[in-house]
Amino acid sequence: MNLIGKHILIGISGGIAAYKIPELIRLFTKAGAEVRVTTTRHALEFVTEMTLQTLSGHSVYSDVFAAINAHATEHISLPEWADVMLVAPATANVLGKTAAGIADDALTTTICSCAARRPVVIAPAMNDKMWENPATQKAIATLRTWERVTVLEPAEGPLACGTSGKGRMPEADVLFEAVQDVLTPKTMTGRHVLITAGPTQEKIDPVRYLSNYSTGKMGFALARECARRGADVTIVCGPTAEHIHDIAGRVHRIDVQTAHEMYNAATSAWRLADTAILCAAVADFTPEEETSEKIKKQPGQQQMTLRLRTTPDIAAALGASKQKGQRLIGFALETQNEEANAMHKLTSKHMDAIVLNSLRDEGAGFGTDTNRVTILTSDGRHTALPLESKADVARDILDTLI
């Protein structure tokens, strides 16, 4: 998702995790957003005002009574300007004051004003003992009852005090995802989407398998976009390094290895889904036998025959069992007769639409961060999309089909 034209207000309190905010500002501005920053005075002990001003391109609001403020009431004008406010890091002190309605500095007065009219995302960060304190937990519970406020869970791991536990501020990419989530209209609330993603691995022996070059990037981009739009998502994925920051608990991930495992998981999940998007590159063949020991090359051996059998056809099974109201969307990666092959797959497997991409197109296919696709539907529509990021392709697919 691009953030062109969006106004992001970042509030920083006095915690060591403030040093991560410059990276976050870069992520937002790179995505096209405009960023403004408000801080407590103690926050500027951890990250300099000059750094924040240089990266955001705006002066930093840190003093309610400073003569250089553009407006006499910055804590009112900034929330009016913002589309969303992110408070990161949010210390125990700021959490407690916010929950109690105390507004006695630039940051807390801005939060108090913003929470009444704009979405606010809060990222707590503190020592694990402070996180576990009953007063902190009471403040968190109170804030989570507020309609426009989303409080993230802190991460677990090494803490600044030298111990390890729960209290780390989520990393910049997680905060970036959280802001995208609250800014995305929830047009798919109540929908349950099944997505398959990534490759399968068909075992030959304990050290070898048959597979393909799929990385799962396109399937995971679709899962992220569906979840942002409010859908409950079940993603059945083969071995992949891709992951999802499941901010709102809308994504259920099922990891599989083989085509048969993916078939079982997908056909089971299909019973509860209203839409399936089959993006995985499932192996068409698997070895007839998996040996229990590594196959060794014999002295003088020049060739080896590997006998294969077909794998179960997930698309055909889902198409054959499709009920009224269910929609089935497939993917086709072709190298020749692209559109004809895709249309045959669409009709023979009772799909509602198919997304075609070709290895002939530079920047499309496996492992890339971009894709160029053509959307074909059972009612004859033909939508060719330009080369764009897979995140934007996912958005355009959903805009076209869902």
Protein backbone atom coordinates (compact mmCIF):
# COMPACT_ATOMS: atom_id res chain seq x y z
CA MET A 1 0.00 0.00 0.00
CA ASN A 2 1.33 3.45 -0.80
CA LEU A 3 0.67 6.27 1.62
CA ILE A 4 0.73 9.14 -0.87
CA GLY A 5 -1.13 12.10 0.57
CA LYS A 6 -1.48 10.60 4.05
CA HIS A 7 -0.59 12.64 7.13
CA ILE A 8 1.19 10.67 9.86
CA LEU A 9 1.66 12.23 13.29
CA ILE A 10 4.30 10.47 15.40
CA GLY A 11 4.42 11.02 19.16
CA ILE A 12 7.65 10.08 20.94
CA SER A 13 8.05 9.69 24.70
CA GLY A 14 11.21 9.34 26.76
CA GLY A 15 12.27 5.73 26.20
CA ILE A 16 15.43 4.27 24.71
CA ALA A 17 13.41 2.83 21.81
CA ALA A 18 13.04 6.40 20.51
CA TYR A 19 16.28 5.82 18.60
CA LYS A 20 14.30 3.59 16.17
CA ILE A 21 11.94 6.36 15.08
CA PRO A 22 14.19 7.90 12.38
CA GLU A 23 14.06 4.61 10.49
CA LEU A 24 10.26 4.63 10.78
CA ILE A 25 10.03 8.20 9.47
CA ARG A 26 12.04 7.10 6.43
CA LEU A 27 9.60 4.22 5.80
CA PHE A 28 6.62 6.57 5.90
CA THR A 29 8.15 9.27 3.71
CA LYS A 30 9.39 6.67 1.21
CA ALA A 31 5.79 5.42 0.93
CA GLY A 32 4.65 8.96 0.11
CA ALA A 33 3.34 10.10 3.49
CA GLU A 34 3.94 13.45 5.16
CA VAL A 35 5.18 13.14 8.74
CA ARG A 36 5.02 15.51 11.69
CA VAL A 37 6.52 14.79 15.12
CA THR A 38 5.59 15.70 18.67
CA THR A 39 7.66 14.65 21.69
CA THR A 40 8.11 14.92 25.40
CA ARG A 41 11.19 16.85 26.46
CA HIS A 42 12.77 13.64 27.73
CA ALA A 43 12.35 11.99 24.34
CA LEU A 44 14.90 14.43 22.95
CA GLU A 45 17.49 12.91 25.29
CA PHE A 46 17.37 9.78 23.11
CA VAL A 47 16.91 11.20 19.59
CA THR A 48 17.85 14.72 18.56
CA GLU A 49 15.40 17.35 17.48
CA MET A 50 17.60 18.13 14.47
CA THR A 51 17.41 14.49 13.27
CA LEU A 52 13.62 14.40 13.55
CA GLN A 53 13.23 17.77 11.87
CA THR A 54 15.60 16.88 9.03
CA LEU A 55 13.93 13.55 8.25
CA SER A 56 10.35 14.78 8.55
CA GLY A 57 10.92 18.17 6.96
CA HIS A 58 8.95 19.87 9.75
CA SER A 59 9.74 21.45 13.08
CA VAL A 60 9.23 19.27 16.14
CA TYR A 61 6.49 20.11 18.63
CA SER A 62 7.99 19.49 22.07
CA ASP A 63 7.02 22.53 24.16
CA VAL A 64 3.44 23.70 24.60
CA PHE A 65 4.56 27.28 25.29
CA ALA A 66 7.44 27.63 22.82
CA ALA A 67 7.39 30.92 20.92
CA ILE A 68 8.39 29.18 17.66
CA ASN A 69 5.21 27.07 17.42
CA ALA A 70 3.38 27.68 14.17
CA HIS A 71 0.09 27.88 16.05
CA ALA A 72 -0.68 28.81 19.62
CA THR A 73 -2.54 25.52 19.98
CA GLU A 74 -0.36 22.94 18.19
CA HIS A 75 -1.99 20.15 20.22
CA ILE A 76 -5.25 21.02 18.42
CA SER A 77 -3.95 21.86 14.94
CA LEU A 78 -1.76 18.76 14.62
CA PRO A 79 -4.63 16.28 15.24
CA GLU A 80 -6.76 18.27 12.77
CA TRP A 81 -3.97 17.82 10.19
CA ALA A 82 -3.28 14.12 10.92
CA ASP A 83 -4.94 11.07 9.41
CA VAL A 84 -3.51 8.89 12.19
CA MET A 85 -1.31 9.30 15.23
CA LEU A 86 1.34 6.77 16.25
CA VAL A 87 2.71 6.98 19.79
CA ALA A 88 6.04 5.15 19.83
CA PRO A 89 7.60 4.46 22.19
CA ALA A 90 4.83 4.86 24.76
CA THR A 91 6.34 4.71 28.25
CA ALA A 92 4.49 3.57 31.35
CA ASN A 93 4.29 7.21 32.39
CA VAL A 94 2.61 8.32 29.15
CA LEU A 95 0.27 5.32 29.16
CA GLY A 96 -0.85 6.07 32.71
CA LYS A 97 -1.37 9.77 32.08
CA THR A 98 -3.23 9.19 28.83
CA ALA A 99 -5.58 6.64 30.38
CA ALA A 100 -6.31 9.06 33.24
CA GLY A 101 -6.90 12.00 30.91
CA ILE A 102 -3.86 13.90 32.17
CA ALA A 103 -2.49 16.29 29.54
CA ASP A 104 0.45 18.27 30.88
CA ASP A 105 2.99 18.42 28.06
CA ALA A 106 3.17 18.62 24.27
CA LEU A 107 2.75 14.89 23.72
CA THR A 108 -0.07 14.12 26.15
CA THR A 109 -2.11 17.19 25.19
CA THR A 110 -1.80 16.12 21.54
CA ILE A 111 -2.83 12.54 22.31
CA CYS A 112 -5.79 13.78 24.34
CA SER A 113 -7.00 15.90 21.43
CA CYS A 114 -6.23 13.32 18.73
CA ALA A 115 -7.95 10.33 20.38
CA ALA A 116 -11.27 12.15 20.21
CA ARG A 117 -11.28 12.38 16.40
CA ARG A 118 -8.50 10.33 14.79
CA PRO A 119 -7.22 6.75 15.03
CA VAL A 120 -4.33 6.42 17.46
CA VAL A 121 -1.87 3.51 17.48
CA ILE A 122 0.10 3.09 20.71
CA ALA A 123 3.31 1.05 20.91
CA PRO A 124 4.29 0.46 24.56
CA ALA A 125 7.98 0.09 25.40
CA MET A 126 9.48 -0.38 28.87
CA ASN A 127 11.16 -2.82 31.23
CA ASP A 128 9.25 -6.08 31.67
CA LYS A 129 8.65 -5.34 35.38
CA MET A 130 7.09 -1.98 34.50
CA TRP A 131 4.96 -3.68 31.83
CA GLU A 132 3.69 -6.18 34.40
CA ASN A 133 2.89 -3.48 36.95
CA PRO A 134 -0.87 -3.52 37.78
CA ALA A 135 -1.15 0.22 37.13
CA THR A 136 0.32 -0.19 33.65
CA GLN A 137 -1.97 -3.11 32.86
CA LYS A 138 -4.97 -1.14 34.11
CA ALA A 139 -4.01 1.78 31.84
CA ILE A 140 -3.65 -0.59 28.87
CA ALA A 141 -7.04 -2.16 29.57
CA THR A 142 -8.64 1.30 29.75
CA LEU A 143 -7.06 2.49 26.50
CA ARG A 144 -8.18 -0.64 24.67
CA THR A 145 -11.79 0.26 25.42
CA TRP A 146 -11.42 3.53 23.51
CA GLU A 147 -13.03 3.36 20.09
CA ARG A 148 -10.24 4.89 18.03
CA VAL A 149 -7.24 3.53 19.96
CA THR A 150 -5.20 0.45 19.05
CA VAL A 151 -2.64 -0.69 21.64
CA LEU A 152 0.02 -3.03 20.28
CA GLU A 153 1.60 -5.81 22.27
CA PRO A 154 5.26 -5.19 23.09
CA ALA A 155 7.77 -7.71 21.78
CA GLU A 156 9.82 -10.12 23.86
CA GLY A 157 13.61 -10.17 23.87
CA PRO A 158 16.68 -8.36 25.25
CA LEU A 159 15.84 -5.14 27.11
CA ALA A 160 17.93 -2.02 27.59
CA CYS A 161 18.47 -2.81 31.27
CA GLY A 162 20.35 -5.99 30.34
CA THR A 163 17.59 -8.46 31.14
CA SER A 164 15.26 -10.21 28.73
CA GLY A 165 11.48 -10.26 28.72
CA LYS A 166 8.33 -8.63 27.36
CA GLY A 167 8.55 -4.90 26.88
CA ARG A 168 10.47 -4.17 23.66
CA MET A 169 8.89 -1.76 21.23
CA PRO A 170 7.91 -3.55 18.01
CA GLU A 171 10.32 -2.98 15.13
CA ALA A 172 9.75 -0.24 12.56
CA ASP A 173 8.24 -2.57 9.94
CA VAL A 174 5.64 -3.79 12.46
CA LEU A 175 4.68 -0.22 13.36
CA PHE A 176 4.51 0.64 9.66
CA GLU A 177 2.11 -2.28 9.12
CA ALA A 178 -0.01 -1.24 12.12
CA VAL A 179 -0.50 2.25 10.70
CA GLN A 180 -1.40 0.84 7.29
CA ASP A 181 -3.94 -1.42 8.98
CA VAL A 182 -5.83 1.38 10.69
CA LEU A 183 -5.76 3.56 7.56
CA THR A 184 -7.22 0.86 5.31
CA PRO A 185 -11.03 0.93 4.99
CA LYS A 186 -12.49 -2.32 6.32
CA THR A 187 -14.40 -3.21 3.16
CA MET A 188 -13.95 -6.96 3.69
CA THR A 189 -15.13 -7.23 7.28
CA GLY A 190 -17.07 -10.47 7.73
CA ARG A 191 -15.33 -12.17 4.81
CA HIS A 192 -13.25 -15.33 5.24
CA VAL A 193 -10.57 -15.73 2.59
CA LEU A 194 -8.47 -18.83 1.92
CA ILE A 195 -5.11 -18.14 0.27
CA THR A 196 -2.48 -20.65 -0.85
CA ALA A 197 1.07 -19.40 -1.26
CA GLY A 198 4.63 -20.45 -1.94
CA PRO A 199 6.07 -23.66 -3.38
CA THR A 200 5.64 -27.27 -2.37
CA GLN A 201 8.52 -29.69 -1.84
CA GLU A 202 8.11 -33.28 -3.01
CA LYS A 203 10.49 -35.59 -1.18
CA ILE A 204 12.84 -37.86 -3.09
CA ASP A 205 15.02 -39.03 -0.21
CA PRO A 206 16.07 -37.60 3.17
CA VAL A 207 18.23 -34.89 1.54
CA ARG A 208 16.56 -34.11 -1.83
CA TYR A 209 13.21 -32.91 -3.12
CA LEU A 210 11.47 -31.61 -6.23
CA SER A 211 10.27 -28.00 -6.07
CA ASN A 212 10.13 -24.70 -7.97
CA TYR A 213 11.28 -21.09 -7.64
CA SER A 214 8.20 -19.67 -5.90
CA THR A 215 8.92 -17.55 -2.81
CA GLY A 216 5.34 -16.85 -1.70
CA LYS A 217 5.68 -13.06 -2.08
CA MET A 218 2.50 -12.64 -4.13
CA GLY A 219 0.37 -14.84 -1.89
CA PHE A 220 1.54 -13.09 1.25
CA ALA A 221 0.93 -9.67 -0.33
CA LEU A 222 -2.66 -10.76 -0.96
CA ALA A 223 -3.03 -12.08 2.58
CA ARG A 224 -1.76 -8.80 4.06
CA GLU A 225 -4.13 -6.73 1.94
CA CYS A 226 -7.15 -8.93 2.74
CA ALA A 227 -6.37 -8.73 6.47
CA ARG A 228 -5.92 -4.94 6.30
CA ARG A 229 -9.36 -4.70 4.72
CA GLY A 230 -10.86 -6.58 7.67
CA ALA A 231 -11.14 -10.12 6.32
CA ASP A 232 -10.30 -13.22 8.30
CA VAL A 233 -7.55 -14.95 6.35
CA THR A 234 -6.39 -18.55 6.31
CA ILE A 235 -3.09 -18.79 4.46
CA VAL A 236 -1.84 -22.27 3.58
CA CYS A 237 1.78 -21.91 2.62
CA GLY A 238 4.62 -24.10 1.51
CA PRO A 239 8.20 -23.55 2.72
CA THR A 240 8.86 -19.80 2.52
CA ALA A 241 10.74 -17.06 4.31
CA GLU A 242 7.73 -14.72 4.00
CA HIS A 243 5.80 -13.71 7.11
CA ILE A 244 2.94 -11.49 8.21
CA HIS A 245 2.77 -9.06 11.12
CA ASP A 246 -0.70 -10.08 12.29
CA ILE A 247 -1.58 -6.83 14.03
CA ALA A 248 -5.29 -7.51 14.55
CA GLY A 249 -5.28 -11.31 14.86
CA ARG A 250 -7.06 -11.82 11.53
CA VAL A 251 -4.58 -14.27 9.96
CA HIS A 252 -4.40 -18.02 10.56
CA ARG A 253 -1.27 -19.54 9.03
CA ILE A 254 -0.98 -23.22 8.14
CA ASP A 255 2.50 -24.38 7.12
CA VAL A 256 2.78 -27.40 4.84
CA GLN A 257 5.51 -29.01 2.77
CA THR A 258 4.06 -31.28 0.13
CA ALA A 259 1.30 -30.89 -2.46
CA HIS A 260 -0.74 -33.55 -0.67
CA GLU A 261 -0.47 -31.66 2.64
CA MET A 262 -1.52 -28.44 0.92
CA TYR A 263 -4.47 -30.23 -0.70
CA ASN A 264 -5.70 -31.54 2.67
CA ALA A 265 -5.34 -28.15 4.38
CA ALA A 266 -6.92 -26.18 1.53
CA THR A 267 -9.90 -28.45 1.01
CA SER A 268 -10.58 -28.41 4.75
CA ALA A 269 -10.33 -24.60 5.02
CA TRP A 270 -12.51 -24.13 1.92
CA ARG A 271 -15.56 -25.32 3.82
CA LEU A 272 -15.49 -22.17 5.97
CA ALA A 273 -14.29 -19.67 3.35
CA ASP A 274 -16.36 -17.52 1.01
CA THR A 275 -13.37 -16.75 -1.25
CA ALA A 276 -10.28 -18.73 -2.21
CA ILE A 277 -7.25 -17.24 -3.97
CA LEU A 278 -4.95 -20.02 -5.16
CA CYS A 279 -1.57 -18.37 -5.54
CA ALA A 280 0.70 -21.28 -4.59
CA ALA A 281 2.97 -22.95 -7.13
CA VAL A 282 1.93 -26.52 -6.38
CA ALA A 283 3.98 -29.36 -7.83
CA ASP A 284 2.11 -31.30 -10.53
CA PHE A 285 4.17 -34.44 -9.91
CA THR A 286 5.70 -36.19 -6.91
CA PRO A 287 8.01 -39.24 -6.69
CA GLU A 288 6.18 -42.56 -6.56
CA GLU A 289 8.42 -43.58 -3.69
CA GLU A 290 10.38 -41.71 -1.06
CA THR A 291 13.46 -43.67 -0.07
CA SER A 292 14.43 -43.79 3.59
CA GLU A 293 18.13 -43.49 2.79
CA LYS A 294 20.03 -41.09 0.55
CA ILE A 295 20.19 -42.34 -3.03
CA LYS A 296 23.89 -42.93 -3.81
CA LYS A 297 25.45 -42.70 -7.23
CA GLN A 298 26.95 -46.08 -8.11
CA PRO A 299 30.42 -46.45 -9.69
CA GLY A 300 30.11 -45.96 -13.45
CA GLN A 301 26.45 -44.88 -13.25
CA GLN A 302 25.52 -42.46 -16.08
CA GLN A 303 21.80 -41.91 -15.49
CA MET A 304 18.93 -42.47 -13.10
CA THR A 305 15.22 -42.83 -13.71
CA LEU A 306 12.86 -41.18 -11.22
CA ARG A 307 9.26 -42.37 -11.52
CA LEU A 308 6.65 -39.69 -10.77
CA ARG A 309 2.90 -39.66 -10.21
CA THR A 310 0.50 -36.75 -10.34
CA THR A 311 -0.40 -34.79 -7.22
CA PRO A 312 -4.00 -34.02 -6.20
CA ASP A 313 -5.45 -31.02 -8.06
CA ILE A 314 -6.41 -28.40 -5.48
CA ALA A 315 -8.06 -26.00 -7.92
CA ALA A 316 -10.17 -28.75 -9.50
CA ALA A 317 -11.27 -30.04 -6.09
CA LEU A 318 -12.29 -26.59 -4.83
CA GLY A 319 -14.03 -25.79 -8.10
CA ALA A 320 -16.00 -29.05 -8.02
CA SER A 321 -17.16 -28.47 -4.43
CA LYS A 322 -17.86 -24.74 -4.76
CA GLN A 323 -21.13 -23.71 -3.15
CA LYS A 324 -23.42 -20.81 -3.97
CA GLY A 325 -21.80 -17.59 -2.78
CA GLN A 326 -18.26 -18.93 -2.85
CA ARG A 327 -15.74 -17.37 -5.24
CA LEU A 328 -12.69 -19.18 -6.59
CA ILE A 329 -9.75 -17.20 -7.97
CA GLY A 330 -6.72 -18.91 -9.45
CA PHE A 331 -3.27 -17.93 -10.68
CA ALA A 332 -1.59 -19.09 -13.87
CA LEU A 333 2.12 -18.64 -14.62
CA GLU A 334 2.68 -19.44 -18.28
CA THR A 335 5.57 -19.40 -20.75
CA GLN A 336 3.66 -19.88 -24.02
CA ASN A 337 0.07 -19.54 -25.28
CA GLU A 338 -0.45 -17.67 -22.06
CA GLU A 339 -4.00 -16.44 -22.35
CA ALA A 340 -5.35 -19.60 -23.99
CA ASN A 341 -3.83 -21.80 -21.29
CA ALA A 342 -5.14 -19.52 -18.54
CA MET A 343 -8.67 -19.51 -19.98
CA HIS A 344 -8.65 -23.30 -20.23
CA LYS A 345 -7.66 -23.53 -16.57
CA LEU A 346 -10.36 -21.02 -15.60
CA THR A 347 -13.19 -22.88 -17.34
CA SER A 348 -12.09 -26.48 -16.71
CA LYS A 349 -11.72 -25.90 -12.96
CA HIS A 350 -14.90 -23.83 -12.52
CA MET A 351 -13.10 -20.69 -11.40
CA ASP A 352 -14.65 -17.25 -11.24
CA ALA A 353 -11.42 -15.50 -12.24
CA ILE A 354 -7.79 -16.22 -12.96
CA VAL A 355 -4.73 -13.99 -12.64
CA LEU A 356 -2.27 -14.56 -15.47
CA ASN A 357 1.39 -13.69 -15.37
CA SER A 358 4.10 -14.65 -17.81
CA LEU A 359 7.80 -15.34 -17.42
CA ARG A 360 8.22 -13.43 -20.67
CA ASP A 361 7.54 -10.17 -18.79
CA GLU A 362 10.62 -8.59 -17.24
CA GLY A 363 10.10 -7.95 -13.54
CA ALA A 364 7.34 -10.55 -13.22
CA GLY A 365 7.36 -14.11 -11.92
CA PHE A 366 9.07 -15.87 -9.05
CA GLY A 367 11.18 -14.10 -6.42
CA THR A 368 10.68 -10.53 -7.63
CA ASP A 369 9.10 -7.70 -5.65
CA THR A 370 7.14 -6.63 -8.74
CA ASN A 371 4.64 -8.29 -11.04
CA ARG A 372 2.68 -7.64 -14.23
CA VAL A 373 -0.61 -9.51 -14.43
CA THR A 374 -3.77 -9.78 -16.49
CA ILE A 375 -7.04 -10.57 -14.72
CA LEU A 376 -9.45 -12.77 -16.68
CA THR A 377 -12.97 -13.47 -15.41
CA SER A 378 -15.61 -16.05 -16.21
CA ASP A 379 -17.96 -13.32 -17.44
CA GLY A 380 -15.48 -12.16 -20.07
CA ARG A 381 -13.72 -9.24 -18.41
CA HIS A 382 -10.06 -8.69 -19.31
CA THR A 383 -8.01 -6.33 -17.11
CA ALA A 384 -4.31 -5.83 -17.86
CA LEU A 385 -2.34 -4.21 -15.03
CA PRO A 386 1.00 -2.42 -15.45
CA LEU A 387 4.24 -3.55 -13.83
CA GLU A 388 3.98 -2.58 -10.17
CA SER A 389 4.92 -3.82 -6.72
CA LYS A 390 3.30 -7.04 -5.59
CA ALA A 391 1.65 -5.09 -2.77
CA ASP A 392 0.00 -2.82 -5.34
CA VAL A 393 -0.88 -5.82 -7.54
CA ALA A 394 -2.64 -7.38 -4.53
CA ARG A 395 -4.58 -4.18 -3.95
CA ASP A 396 -5.62 -3.96 -7.61
CA ILE A 397 -6.68 -7.63 -7.72
CA LEU A 398 -8.96 -7.15 -4.73
CA ASP A 399 -10.32 -3.86 -6.09
CA THR A 400 -11.16 -5.64 -9.35
CA LEU A 401 -12.55 -8.92 -8.04
CA ILE A 402 -13.78 -8.59 -4.45
